[in-house]
């Protein structure tokens, strides 16, 4: 499940909540119990796409053979 960052509009506390993307979140601030919170844009998670595949663990496949069309 994704991790979302929220900021309380009353006490300016920033906190994280894990919930499904399909779930309608009813979030309250853990510090002041206010229901006036705003979802923040999350920080970069540091994913690096390398190689020809979609996953981070995929490596670029180098072929040493030459192809000739006849």
PDB file of N, CA and C in Angstrom:
ATOM      1  N   UNK A   1       0.834  -1.176   0.000  1.00  0.00           N
ATOM      2  CA  UNK A   1       0.000   0.000   0.000  1.00  0.00           C
ATOM      3  C   UNK A   1       0.885   1.248   0.000  1.00  0.00           C
ATOM      4  N   UNK A   2       0.422   2.294  -0.657  1.00  0.00           N
ATOM      5  CA  UNK A   2       1.215   3.521  -0.732  1.00  0.00           C
ATOM      6  C   UNK A   2       1.272   4.264   0.601  1.00  0.00           C
ATOM      7  N   UNK A   3       2.316   5.022   0.756  1.00  0.00           N
ATOM      8  CA  UNK A   3       2.534   5.849   1.936  1.00  0.00           C
ATOM      9  C   UNK A   3       2.308   7.296   1.529  1.00  0.00           C
ATOM     10  N   UNK A   4       1.419   7.992   2.225  1.00  0.00           N
ATOM     11  CA  UNK A   4       1.071   9.364   1.897  1.00  0.00           C
ATOM     12  C   UNK A   4       1.516  10.297   3.014  1.00  0.00           C
ATOM     13  N   UNK A   5       1.958  11.496   2.634  1.00  0.00           N
ATOM     14  CA  UNK A   5       2.326  12.534   3.590  1.00  0.00           C
ATOM     15  C   UNK A   5       1.163  13.503   3.723  1.00  0.00           C
ATOM     16  N   UNK A   6       0.848  13.874   4.956  1.00  0.00           N
ATOM     17  CA  UNK A   6      -0.218  14.828   5.240  1.00  0.00           C
ATOM     18  C   UNK A   6       0.329  15.931   6.138  1.00  0.00           C
ATOM     19  N   UNK A   7      -0.272  17.116   6.038  1.00  0.00           N
ATOM     20  CA  UNK A   7       0.089  18.245   6.887  1.00  0.00           C
ATOM     21  C   UNK A   7      -1.186  18.777   7.523  1.00  0.00           C
ATOM     22  N   UNK A   8      -1.142  18.972   8.833  1.00  0.00           N
ATOM     23  CA  UNK A   8      -2.285  19.500   9.563  1.00  0.00           C
ATOM     24  C   UNK A   8      -2.377  21.003   9.321  1.00  0.00           C
ATOM     25  N   UNK A   9      -3.576  21.485   9.016  1.00  0.00           N
ATOM     26  CA  UNK A   9      -3.774  22.911   8.775  1.00  0.00           C
ATOM     27  C   UNK A   9      -3.844  23.719  10.067  1.00  0.00           C
ATOM     28  N   UNK A  10      -4.065  23.055  11.201  1.00  0.00           N
ATOM     29  CA  UNK A  10      -4.151  23.764  12.481  1.00  0.00           C
ATOM     30  C   UNK A  10      -2.801  23.878  13.182  1.00  0.00           C
ATOM     31  N   UNK A  11      -2.097  22.741  13.356  1.00  0.00           N
ATOM     32  CA  UNK A  11      -0.840  22.770  14.122  1.00  0.00           C
ATOM     33  C   UNK A  11       0.402  22.621  13.243  1.00  0.00           C
ATOM     34  N   UNK A  12       0.237  22.497  11.913  1.00  0.00           N
ATOM     35  CA  UNK A  12       1.340  22.371  10.946  1.00  0.00           C
ATOM     36  C   UNK A  12       2.196  21.124  11.142  1.00  0.00           C
ATOM     37  N   UNK A  13       1.665  20.123  11.815  1.00  0.00           N
ATOM     38  CA  UNK A  13       2.370  18.855  11.989  1.00  0.00           C
ATOM     39  C   UNK A  13       2.328  18.086  10.670  1.00  0.00           C
ATOM     40  N   UNK A  14       3.454  17.477  10.280  1.00  0.00           N
ATOM     41  CA  UNK A  14       3.532  16.659   9.068  1.00  0.00           C
ATOM     42  C   UNK A  14       3.646  15.200   9.508  1.00  0.00           C
ATOM     43  N   UNK A  15       2.803  14.333   8.941  1.00  0.00           N
ATOM     44  CA  UNK A  15       2.804  12.926   9.333  1.00  0.00           C
ATOM     45  C   UNK A  15       2.516  12.060   8.122  1.00  0.00           C
ATOM     46  N   UNK A  16       2.789  10.757   8.244  1.00  0.00           N
ATOM     47  CA  UNK A  16       2.621   9.795   7.165  1.00  0.00           C
ATOM     48  C   UNK A  16       1.498   8.821   7.498  1.00  0.00           C
ATOM     49  N   UNK A  17       0.735   8.453   6.464  1.00  0.00           N
ATOM     50  CA  UNK A  17      -0.364   7.502   6.627  1.00  0.00           C
ATOM     51  C   UNK A  17      -0.304   6.515   5.474  1.00  0.00           C
ATOM     52  N   UNK A  18      -0.489   5.233   5.767  1.00  0.00           N
ATOM     53  CA  UNK A  18      -0.542   4.201   4.744  1.00  0.00           C
ATOM     54  C   UNK A  18      -1.997   3.791   4.542  1.00  0.00           C
ATOM     55  N   UNK A  19      -2.469   3.916   3.298  1.00  0.00           N
ATOM     56  CA  UNK A  19      -3.809   3.455   2.975  1.00  0.00           C
ATOM     57  C   UNK A  19      -3.887   3.164   1.486  1.00  0.00           C
ATOM     58  N   UNK A  20      -4.915   2.408   1.108  1.00  0.00           N
ATOM     59  CA  UNK A  20      -5.107   2.025  -0.284  1.00  0.00           C
ATOM     60  C   UNK A  20      -5.426   3.249  -1.130  1.00  0.00           C
ATOM     61  N   UNK A  21      -5.042   3.200  -2.399  1.00  0.00           N
ATOM     62  CA  UNK A  21      -5.313   4.306  -3.303  1.00  0.00           C
ATOM     63  C   UNK A  21      -6.813   4.430  -3.577  1.00  0.00           C
ATOM     64  N   UNK A  22      -7.554   3.340  -3.450  1.00  0.00           N
ATOM     65  CA  UNK A  22      -8.994   3.338  -3.690  1.00  0.00           C
ATOM     66  C   UNK A  22      -9.792   3.747  -2.454  1.00  0.00           C
ATOM     67  N   UNK A  23      -9.157   3.747  -1.291  1.00  0.00           N
ATOM     68  CA  UNK A  23      -9.833   4.055  -0.037  1.00  0.00           C
ATOM     69  C   UNK A  23     -10.088   5.554   0.082  1.00  0.00           C
ATOM     70  N   UNK A  24     -11.251   5.922   0.572  1.00  0.00           N
ATOM     71  CA  UNK A  24     -11.553   7.323   0.849  1.00  0.00           C
ATOM     72  C   UNK A  24     -11.004   7.641   2.240  1.00  0.00           C
ATOM     73  N   UNK A  25      -9.897   8.370   2.312  1.00  0.00           N
ATOM     74  CA  UNK A  25      -9.247   8.569   3.614  1.00  0.00           C
ATOM     75  C   UNK A  25     -10.009   9.568   4.489  1.00  0.00           C
ATOM     76  N   UNK A  26     -10.260   9.173   5.705  1.00  0.00           N
ATOM     77  CA  UNK A  26     -10.787  10.090   6.718  1.00  0.00           C
ATOM     78  C   UNK A  26      -9.672  10.235   7.747  1.00  0.00           C
ATOM     79  N   UNK A  27      -8.777  11.173   7.476  1.00  0.00           N
ATOM     80  CA  UNK A  27      -7.541  11.336   8.241  1.00  0.00           C
ATOM     81  C   UNK A  27      -7.709  12.456   9.259  1.00  0.00           C
ATOM     82  N   UNK A  28      -7.230  12.226  10.472  1.00  0.00           N
ATOM     83  CA  UNK A  28      -7.168  13.275  11.478  1.00  0.00           C
ATOM     84  C   UNK A  28      -5.735  13.358  11.983  1.00  0.00           C
ATOM     85  N   UNK A  29      -5.349  14.539  12.406  1.00  0.00           N
ATOM     86  CA  UNK A  29      -3.984  14.788  12.879  1.00  0.00           C
ATOM     87  C   UNK A  29      -3.725  14.002  14.165  1.00  0.00           C
ATOM     88  N   UNK A  30      -2.611  13.263  14.240  1.00  0.00           N
ATOM     89  CA  UNK A  30      -2.317  12.509  15.467  1.00  0.00           C
ATOM     90  C   UNK A  30      -1.928  13.414  16.640  1.00  0.00           C
ATOM     91  N   UNK A  31      -1.509  14.647  16.377  1.00  0.00           N
ATOM     92  CA  UNK A  31      -1.091  15.551  17.453  1.00  0.00           C
ATOM     93  C   UNK A  31      -2.265  16.284  18.092  1.00  0.00           C
ATOM     94  N   UNK A  32      -3.101  16.925  17.241  1.00  0.00           N
ATOM     95  CA  UNK A  32      -4.175  17.756  17.787  1.00  0.00           C
ATOM     96  C   UNK A  32      -5.571  17.215  17.487  1.00  0.00           C
ATOM     97  N   UNK A  33      -5.658  16.071  16.778  1.00  0.00           N
ATOM     98  CA  UNK A  33      -6.924  15.418  16.429  1.00  0.00           C
ATOM     99  C   UNK A  33      -7.812  16.248  15.507  1.00  0.00           C
ATOM    100  N   UNK A  34      -7.241  17.231  14.825  1.00  0.00           N
ATOM    101  CA  UNK A  34      -7.996  18.047  13.881  1.00  0.00           C
ATOM    102  C   UNK A  34      -8.240  17.243  12.603  1.00  0.00           C
ATOM    103  N   UNK A  35      -9.373  17.455  11.982  1.00  0.00           N
ATOM    104  CA  UNK A  35      -9.694  16.775  10.732  1.00  0.00           C
ATOM    105  C   UNK A  35      -9.317  17.603   9.513  1.00  0.00           C
ATOM    106  N   UNK A  36      -8.710  18.762   9.727  1.00  0.00           N
ATOM    107  CA  UNK A  36      -8.327  19.642   8.625  1.00  0.00           C
ATOM    108  C   UNK A  36      -6.889  19.351   8.210  1.00  0.00           C
ATOM    109  N   UNK A  37      -6.730  18.375   7.323  1.00  0.00           N
ATOM    110  CA  UNK A  37      -5.399  17.990   6.862  1.00  0.00           C
ATOM    111  C   UNK A  37      -5.340  18.095   5.339  1.00  0.00           C
ATOM    112  N   UNK A  38      -4.130  18.299   4.830  1.00  0.00           N
ATOM    113  CA  UNK A  38      -3.893  18.409   3.396  1.00  0.00           C
ATOM    114  C   UNK A  38      -2.865  17.372   2.995  1.00  0.00           C
ATOM    115  N   UNK A  39      -3.146  16.640   1.912  1.00  0.00           N
ATOM    116  CA  UNK A  39      -2.185  15.658   1.423  1.00  0.00           C
ATOM    117  C   UNK A  39      -1.091  16.380   0.662  1.00  0.00           C
ATOM    118  N   UNK A  40       0.157  16.052   0.962  1.00  0.00           N
ATOM    119  CA  UNK A  40       1.312  16.671   0.342  1.00  0.00           C
ATOM    120  C   UNK A  40       1.814  15.829  -0.814  1.00  0.00           C
ATOM    121  N   UNK A  41       2.533  16.454  -1.710  1.00  0.00           N
ATOM    122  CA  UNK A  41       3.197  15.721  -2.781  1.00  0.00           C
ATOM    123  C   UNK A  41       4.406  15.047  -2.156  1.00  0.00           C
ATOM    124  N   UNK A  42       4.510  13.736  -2.350  1.00  0.00           N
ATOM    125  CA  UNK A  42       5.578  12.962  -1.716  1.00  0.00           C
ATOM    126  C   UNK A  42       6.939  13.283  -2.302  1.00  0.00           C
ATOM    127  N   UNK A  43       7.948  13.028  -1.512  1.00  0.00           N
ATOM    128  CA  UNK A  43       9.317  13.259  -1.948  1.00  0.00           C
ATOM    129  C   UNK A  43       9.761  12.154  -2.903  1.00  0.00           C
ATOM    130  N   UNK A  44      10.852  12.382  -3.583  1.00  0.00           N
ATOM    131  CA  UNK A  44      11.384  11.414  -4.533  1.00  0.00           C
ATOM    132  C   UNK A  44      11.853  10.172  -3.785  1.00  0.00           C
ATOM    133  N   UNK A  45      11.521   9.006  -4.304  1.00  0.00           N
ATOM    134  CA  UNK A  45      11.888   7.763  -3.633  1.00  0.00           C
ATOM    135  C   UNK A  45      13.194   7.178  -4.153  1.00  0.00           C
ATOM    136  N   UNK A  46      13.791   7.779  -5.153  1.00  0.00           N
ATOM    137  CA  UNK A  46      15.102   7.350  -5.611  1.00  0.00           C
ATOM    138  C   UNK A  46      15.110   6.137  -6.513  1.00  0.00           C
ATOM    139  N   UNK A  47      14.120   5.965  -7.343  1.00  0.00           N
ATOM    140  CA  UNK A  47      14.096   4.835  -8.266  1.00  0.00           C
ATOM    141  C   UNK A  47      14.969   5.179  -9.471  1.00  0.00           C
ATOM    142  N   UNK A  48      15.824   4.258  -9.841  1.00  0.00           N
ATOM    143  CA  UNK A  48      16.690   4.446 -11.003  1.00  0.00           C
ATOM    144  C   UNK A  48      16.402   3.342 -12.000  1.00  0.00           C
ATOM    145  N   UNK A  49      15.939   3.712 -13.182  1.00  0.00           N
ATOM    146  CA  UNK A  49      15.656   2.735 -14.218  1.00  0.00           C
ATOM    147  C   UNK A  49      16.888   2.585 -15.092  1.00  0.00           C
ATOM    148  N   UNK A  50      17.479   1.412 -15.066  1.00  0.00           N
ATOM    149  CA  UNK A  50      18.681   1.129 -15.838  1.00  0.00           C
ATOM    150  C   UNK A  50      18.438  -0.118 -16.663  1.00  0.00           C
ATOM    151  N   UNK A  51      18.977  -0.143 -17.838  1.00  0.00           N
ATOM    152  CA  UNK A  51      18.837  -1.320 -18.678  1.00  0.00           C
ATOM    153  C   UNK A  51      17.600  -1.258 -19.537  1.00  0.00           C
ATOM    154  N   UNK A  52      17.280  -2.367 -20.143  1.00  0.00           N
ATOM    155  CA  UNK A  52      16.182  -2.404 -21.094  1.00  0.00           C
ATOM    156  C   UNK A  52      14.855  -2.786 -20.446  1.00  0.00           C
ATOM    157  N   UNK A  53      14.877  -3.266 -19.221  1.00  0.00           N
ATOM    158  CA  UNK A  53      13.663  -3.742 -18.579  1.00  0.00           C
ATOM    159  C   UNK A  53      12.975  -2.677 -17.760  1.00  0.00           C
ATOM    160  N   UNK A  54      11.835  -3.031 -17.191  1.00  0.00           N
ATOM    161  CA  UNK A  54      11.048  -2.115 -16.394  1.00  0.00           C
ATOM    162  C   UNK A  54      11.510  -2.076 -14.944  1.00  0.00           C
ATOM    163  N   UNK A  55      11.975  -3.195 -14.417  1.00  0.00           N
ATOM    164  CA  UNK A  55      12.317  -3.287 -13.013  1.00  0.00           C
ATOM    165  C   UNK A  55      13.727  -2.791 -12.754  1.00  0.00           C
ATOM    166  N   UNK A  56      13.983  -2.314 -11.550  1.00  0.00           N
ATOM    167  CA  UNK A  56      15.292  -1.809 -11.166  1.00  0.00           C
ATOM    168  C   UNK A  56      16.342  -2.906 -11.225  1.00  0.00           C
ATOM    169  N   UNK A  57      15.939  -4.159 -10.976  1.00  0.00           N
ATOM    170  CA  UNK A  57      16.894  -5.266 -10.945  1.00  0.00           C
ATOM    171  C   UNK A  57      17.288  -5.758 -12.327  1.00  0.00           C
ATOM    172  N   UNK A  58      16.593  -5.312 -13.378  1.00  0.00           N
ATOM    173  CA  UNK A  58      16.947  -5.727 -14.734  1.00  0.00           C
ATOM    174  C   UNK A  58      18.267  -5.094 -15.144  1.00  0.00           C
ATOM    175  N   UNK A  59      19.071  -5.859 -15.810  1.00  0.00           N
ATOM    176  CA  UNK A  59      20.371  -5.385 -16.294  1.00  0.00           C
ATOM    177  C   UNK A  59      20.321  -5.285 -17.809  1.00  0.00           C
ATOM    178  N   UNK A  60      21.152  -4.427 -18.322  1.00  0.00           N
ATOM    179  CA  UNK A  60      21.236  -4.292 -19.771  1.00  0.00           C
ATOM    180  C   UNK A  60      21.928  -5.516 -20.334  1.00  0.00           C
ATOM    181  N   UNK A  61      21.328  -6.121 -21.344  1.00  0.00           N
ATOM    182  CA  UNK A  61      21.895  -7.316 -21.950  1.00  0.00           C
ATOM    183  C   UNK A  61      22.718  -6.900 -23.163  1.00  0.00           C
ATOM    184  N   UNK A  62      23.997  -7.189 -23.106  1.00  0.00           N
ATOM    185  CA  UNK A  62      24.878  -6.860 -24.217  1.00  0.00           C
ATOM    186  C   UNK A  62      25.108  -8.115 -25.050  1.00  0.00           C
ATOM    187  N   UNK A  63      24.959  -7.971 -26.349  1.00  0.00           N
ATOM    188  CA  UNK A  63      25.192  -9.101 -27.237  1.00  0.00           C
ATOM    189  C   UNK A  63      26.501  -8.872 -27.959  1.00  0.00           C
ATOM    190  N   UNK A  64      27.337  -9.876 -27.971  1.00  0.00           N
ATOM    191  CA  UNK A  64      28.635  -9.750 -28.610  1.00  0.00           C
ATOM    192  C   UNK A  64      28.604 -10.291 -30.050  1.00  0.00           C
ATOM    193  N   UNK A  65      27.530 -10.973 -30.421  1.00  0.00           N
ATOM    194  CA  UNK A  65      27.462 -11.515 -31.774  1.00  0.00           C
ATOM    195  C   UNK A  65      26.933 -10.444 -32.731  1.00  0.00           C
ATOM    196  N   UNK A  66      27.421 -10.489 -33.948  1.00  0.00           N
ATOM    197  CA  UNK A  66      26.961  -9.545 -34.969  1.00  0.00           C
ATOM    198  C   UNK A  66      25.929 -10.226 -35.833  1.00  0.00           C
ATOM    199  N   UNK A  67      24.905  -9.502 -36.185  1.00  0.00           N
ATOM    200  CA  UNK A  67      23.868 -10.101 -37.024  1.00  0.00           C
ATOM    201  C   UNK A  67      24.071  -9.672 -38.459  1.00  0.00           C
ATOM    202  N   UNK A  68      23.881 -10.618 -39.357  1.00  0.00           N
ATOM    203  CA  UNK A  68      24.015 -10.320 -40.789  1.00  0.00           C
ATOM    204  C   UNK A  68      22.730 -10.738 -41.479  1.00  0.00           C
ATOM    205  N   UNK A  69      22.204  -9.867 -42.259  1.00  0.00           N
ATOM    206  CA  UNK A  69      20.967 -10.149 -42.988  1.00  0.00           C
ATOM    207  C   UNK A  69      21.316 -10.647 -44.394  1.00  0.00           C
ATOM    208  N   UNK A  70      20.905 -11.847 -44.742  1.00  0.00           N
ATOM    209  CA  UNK A  70      21.181 -12.402 -46.074  1.00  0.00           C
ATOM    210  C   UNK A  70      19.938 -12.690 -46.825  1.00  0.00           C
TER     211      UNK A  70
END
